[in-house]
Amino acid sequence: MAMELPRVVFFGRTGSDAFQFFDLDLADWRGARILDCPGGPGSLVATARRHDVEAVAVDPLYALPSPEIELRCLEDLDLSLERTAQSDALRADFDLAAYRRSKLIALEEFLADRLAHPESYLTASLPNLPFDDGSFDLVVCGHLLFSYAPLADGGLFQQNCFDLGWHQAALVELLRVSRRQVRLYPAHTASRPTRLHPYVEPLIAQLREPWSSKLLNTEYDQGFEGITPMLLLERGRAD
């Protein structure tokens, strides 16, 4: 049985997890500016700050006060874990309890950093971001594109609100605000075993110079059988 979600779930990843599935070494980005879109209640920004890398996160739910964000995160985390447990998606050896704990750590770090640095967490959503062209060196987008495509196209939704047309518009916007790279994870289907998402090729086909693309395998363990690629889009370099 394929996993299906009734809405975009709102829980985050730790910075260390995010840097693993985006295949990032923060030492390579010192002095750069990073956008996490959508950031959710994750700790990428807080972790980057500890490594002297400037990062900003956007998410439509940042409009909520912190107590409501915390409640929504806990509800959505339990919803996601419940749906996952009901599907045939996970490997038998995957530690769901450890997975949940890491999301709670990310939430705790997010809430503390948002309180201390509210200017780093802005309310916004794709495909319209409140930034000038080329505002960031690197833009990362995790667990939105491809993940929330319609169920029939290998995503998590029965609705068509995140169809190919939306993905194309979202990618144009992510490229607009980046001056060096855009990284998208995951680039695989939500259906199992995972395979390259069918939207990847048409999104790559819409790229124009100076942008080029590359698929990178990751070692991030989501508990599923199959490939776990990340799509790297880079300005000014060939494949």
Protein backbone atom coordinates (compact mmCIF):
# COMPACT_ATOMS: atom_id res chain seq x y z
CA MET A 1 0.00 0.00 0.00
CA ALA A 2 1.43 3.37 -1.02
CA MET A 3 1.74 6.10 1.58
CA GLU A 4 -0.68 9.01 1.15
CA LEU A 5 -0.94 12.28 3.11
CA PRO A 6 -3.93 14.64 3.30
CA ARG A 7 -1.75 17.77 3.53
CA VAL A 8 1.83 18.97 3.44
CA VAL A 9 3.12 17.80 6.80
CA PHE A 10 5.03 20.26 8.94
CA PHE A 11 8.00 18.72 10.68
CA GLY A 12 11.68 19.36 10.19
CA ARG A 13 15.05 17.71 9.93
CA THR A 14 18.15 18.34 11.96
CA GLY A 15 20.87 20.38 10.32
CA SER A 16 23.14 17.32 10.18
CA ASP A 17 20.46 15.33 8.36
CA ALA A 18 19.82 18.18 5.93
CA PHE A 19 23.49 18.60 5.11
CA GLN A 20 23.70 14.86 4.49
CA PHE A 21 20.81 14.62 2.04
CA PHE A 22 21.80 17.87 0.33
CA ASP A 23 25.40 16.57 0.16
CA LEU A 24 26.74 19.79 1.71
CA ASP A 25 29.96 20.56 3.55
CA LEU A 26 29.48 23.87 5.35
CA ALA A 27 33.21 24.55 5.15
CA ASP A 28 32.67 25.08 1.41
CA TRP A 29 30.01 27.75 2.04
CA ARG A 30 31.62 30.05 4.59
CA GLY A 31 30.94 33.62 3.57
CA ALA A 32 27.99 32.49 1.43
CA ARG A 33 24.28 33.06 1.93
CA ILE A 34 21.87 30.08 1.97
CA LEU A 35 18.07 29.92 1.59
CA ASP A 36 16.16 26.95 3.04
CA CYS A 37 12.81 26.79 1.23
CA PRO A 38 10.68 25.51 2.84
CA GLY A 39 12.43 25.47 6.19
CA GLY A 40 9.69 23.96 8.33
CA PRO A 41 10.54 23.44 12.01
CA GLY A 42 14.03 22.28 11.11
CA SER A 43 17.46 23.26 12.38
CA LEU A 44 19.40 23.86 9.16
CA VAL A 45 19.55 27.62 9.81
CA ALA A 46 20.60 27.17 13.44
CA THR A 47 23.30 24.66 12.49
CA ALA A 48 24.61 26.89 9.70
CA ARG A 49 24.80 29.80 12.13
CA ARG A 50 27.02 27.76 14.46
CA HIS A 51 29.40 27.28 11.52
CA ASP A 52 29.45 30.99 10.64
CA VAL A 53 27.33 30.52 7.53
CA GLU A 54 24.43 32.91 7.00
CA ALA A 55 21.14 31.15 6.30
CA VAL A 56 17.50 32.21 5.99
CA ALA A 57 14.44 29.96 6.01
CA VAL A 58 10.98 30.58 4.59
CA ASP A 59 7.77 28.71 5.23
CA PRO A 60 4.08 29.69 5.04
CA LEU A 61 3.50 28.39 8.58
CA TYR A 62 6.04 30.78 10.07
CA ALA A 63 3.07 33.16 10.32
CA LEU A 64 1.95 31.09 13.32
CA PRO A 65 3.14 31.81 16.88
CA SER A 66 5.64 29.33 18.31
CA PRO A 67 3.14 27.38 20.49
CA GLU A 68 0.95 26.71 17.44
CA ILE A 69 3.98 25.76 15.37
CA GLU A 70 5.05 23.27 18.02
CA LEU A 71 1.56 21.74 18.21
CA ARG A 72 1.26 21.49 14.42
CA CYS A 73 4.68 19.86 14.17
CA LEU A 74 3.84 17.23 16.77
CA GLU A 75 0.49 16.48 15.15
CA ASP A 76 1.95 16.20 11.67
CA LEU A 77 4.88 14.09 12.81
CA ASP A 78 2.52 11.58 14.41
CA LEU A 79 0.27 11.66 11.33
CA SER A 80 3.20 10.92 9.05
CA LEU A 81 4.51 8.11 11.24
CA GLU A 82 1.03 6.59 11.46
CA ARG A 83 0.60 6.64 7.67
CA THR A 84 4.09 5.25 7.18
CA ALA A 85 3.43 2.40 9.58
CA GLN A 86 0.22 1.55 7.70
CA SER A 87 2.03 1.35 4.36
CA ASP A 88 4.48 -1.22 3.11
CA ALA A 89 7.14 1.43 2.58
CA LEU A 90 9.61 0.98 5.43
CA ARG A 91 12.33 -1.61 5.76
CA ALA A 92 11.83 -3.87 8.77
CA ASP A 93 15.13 -2.80 10.32
CA PHE A 94 14.43 0.95 10.24
CA ASP A 95 14.32 2.59 13.70
CA LEU A 96 11.16 4.71 13.69
CA ALA A 97 11.65 5.74 17.32
CA ALA A 98 15.08 7.20 16.56
CA TYR A 99 13.63 8.90 13.48
CA ARG A 100 10.95 10.57 15.64
CA ARG A 101 13.51 11.66 18.25
CA SER A 102 15.61 13.39 15.61
CA LYS A 103 12.56 15.38 14.48
CA LEU A 104 11.91 16.49 18.06
CA ILE A 105 15.55 17.60 18.39
CA ALA A 106 15.16 19.61 15.18
CA LEU A 107 11.98 21.23 16.55
CA GLU A 108 13.65 22.19 19.83
CA GLU A 109 16.62 23.76 18.04
CA PHE A 110 14.33 25.55 15.59
CA LEU A 111 12.14 27.08 18.31
CA ALA A 112 15.18 28.35 20.24
CA ASP A 113 16.82 29.82 17.15
CA ARG A 114 13.61 31.41 15.90
CA LEU A 115 13.17 33.09 19.28
CA ALA A 116 16.73 34.42 19.25
CA HIS A 117 16.85 35.30 15.53
CA PRO A 118 13.33 35.94 14.20
CA GLU A 119 14.76 37.84 11.22
CA SER A 120 16.06 34.54 9.85
CA TYR A 121 12.59 32.99 9.54
CA LEU A 122 10.28 34.62 7.01
CA THR A 123 6.72 33.81 6.05
CA ALA A 124 6.64 32.97 2.33
CA SER A 125 5.92 30.10 -0.04
CA LEU A 126 6.64 28.93 -3.55
CA PRO A 127 6.21 29.91 -6.29
CA ASN A 128 6.49 33.53 -5.08
CA LEU A 129 9.43 34.46 -2.85
CA PRO A 130 10.06 37.96 -1.44
CA PHE A 131 13.67 38.25 -2.57
CA ASP A 132 15.55 40.04 -5.32
CA ASP A 133 17.16 38.11 -8.16
CA GLY A 134 20.33 36.32 -7.05
CA SER A 135 19.84 37.03 -3.35
CA PHE A 136 21.45 33.73 -2.27
CA ASP A 137 24.52 31.75 -3.23
CA LEU A 138 22.75 28.46 -2.52
CA VAL A 139 19.07 27.58 -2.37
CA VAL A 140 18.01 24.23 -0.91
CA CYS A 141 14.54 22.75 -1.14
CA GLY A 142 13.82 19.57 0.78
CA HIS A 143 10.79 17.28 0.87
CA LEU A 144 8.43 19.48 -1.14
CA LEU A 145 9.13 19.28 -4.86
CA PHE A 146 8.61 15.72 -6.11
CA SER A 147 7.51 14.52 -2.65
CA TYR A 148 4.13 16.27 -2.89
CA ALA A 149 3.39 15.59 -6.52
CA PRO A 150 0.03 13.88 -7.10
CA LEU A 151 -0.16 10.26 -5.97
CA ALA A 152 -0.59 9.09 -9.58
CA ASP A 153 2.75 10.71 -10.46
CA GLY A 154 4.73 9.11 -7.64
CA GLY A 155 4.03 11.67 -4.91
CA LEU A 156 2.05 11.74 -1.68
CA PHE A 157 -1.10 13.66 -2.70
CA GLN A 158 -4.31 12.62 -4.43
CA GLN A 159 -4.94 16.30 -5.18
CA ASN A 160 -3.32 17.96 -8.18
CA CYS A 161 -2.25 21.22 -6.48
CA PHE A 162 1.46 20.34 -6.82
CA ASP A 163 1.31 19.09 -10.41
CA LEU A 164 4.00 19.46 -13.07
CA GLY A 165 2.96 23.03 -13.86
CA TRP A 166 3.41 24.03 -10.22
CA HIS A 167 6.81 22.31 -10.11
CA GLN A 168 7.92 24.19 -13.22
CA ALA A 169 6.88 27.54 -11.73
CA ALA A 170 8.49 26.70 -8.38
CA LEU A 171 11.78 25.78 -10.03
CA VAL A 172 11.84 29.03 -12.03
CA GLU A 173 11.50 30.92 -8.75
CA LEU A 174 14.19 28.93 -6.95
CA LEU A 175 16.59 29.56 -9.82
CA ARG A 176 15.70 33.24 -9.89
CA VAL A 177 16.79 33.89 -6.31
CA SER A 178 20.02 31.85 -6.56
CA ARG A 179 23.30 33.05 -8.02
CA ARG A 180 25.22 29.74 -7.77
CA GLN A 181 23.31 26.56 -6.95
CA VAL A 182 19.91 25.03 -6.24
CA ARG A 183 19.69 21.61 -4.56
CA LEU A 184 16.46 19.58 -4.49
CA TYR A 185 15.94 16.50 -2.35
CA PRO A 186 14.55 13.94 -2.83
CA ALA A 187 14.44 13.54 -6.61
CA HIS A 188 12.76 10.16 -6.35
CA THR A 189 9.21 8.94 -6.07
CA ALA A 190 7.34 8.49 -2.82
CA SER A 191 6.07 5.15 -4.16
CA ARG A 192 8.24 2.15 -3.30
CA PRO A 193 10.67 0.93 -4.35
CA THR A 194 11.86 4.40 -5.15
CA ARG A 195 12.74 5.42 -8.70
CA LEU A 196 13.68 8.67 -10.36
CA HIS A 197 10.68 10.98 -10.18
CA PRO A 198 8.94 11.46 -13.57
CA TYR A 199 9.01 15.26 -13.14
CA VAL A 200 12.82 15.37 -13.05
CA GLU A 201 13.34 15.10 -16.80
CA PRO A 202 10.83 17.82 -17.80
CA LEU A 203 12.26 20.15 -15.15
CA ILE A 204 15.77 19.59 -16.45
CA ALA A 205 14.51 20.14 -19.99
CA GLN A 206 13.28 23.63 -19.09
CA LEU A 207 16.73 24.75 -17.90
CA ARG A 208 18.44 27.43 -19.94
CA GLU A 209 22.01 28.70 -19.93
CA PRO A 210 23.87 29.31 -17.71
CA TRP A 211 22.16 26.57 -15.65
CA SER A 212 23.11 22.91 -15.84
CA SER A 213 21.97 19.84 -13.89
CA LYS A 214 23.43 16.81 -12.20
CA LEU A 215 21.88 13.94 -10.23
CA LEU A 216 23.87 12.90 -7.17
CA ASN A 217 23.30 9.74 -5.19
CA THR A 218 22.99 10.28 -1.45
CA GLU A 219 23.60 7.98 1.50
CA TYR A 220 20.80 9.47 3.58
CA ASP A 221 18.74 6.63 5.03
CA GLN A 222 14.99 7.23 4.85
CA GLY A 223 14.27 3.60 5.62
CA PHE A 224 13.12 2.75 2.10
CA GLU A 225 14.35 0.39 -0.58
CA GLY A 226 15.53 2.01 -3.78
CA ILE A 227 17.50 5.05 -4.93
CA THR A 228 17.69 8.35 -3.00
CA PRO A 229 19.06 10.92 -5.49
CA MET A 230 19.42 14.67 -5.04
CA LEU A 231 19.10 17.05 -8.01
CA LEU A 232 21.88 19.65 -8.21
CA LEU A 233 21.36 22.68 -10.45
CA GLU A 234 24.42 24.83 -10.97
CA ARG A 235 25.03 28.11 -12.71
CA GLY A 236 27.83 28.27 -15.22
CA ARG A 237 29.09 24.69 -15.30
CA ALA A 238 28.43 21.79 -17.64
CA ASP A 239 27.39 18.35 -16.40
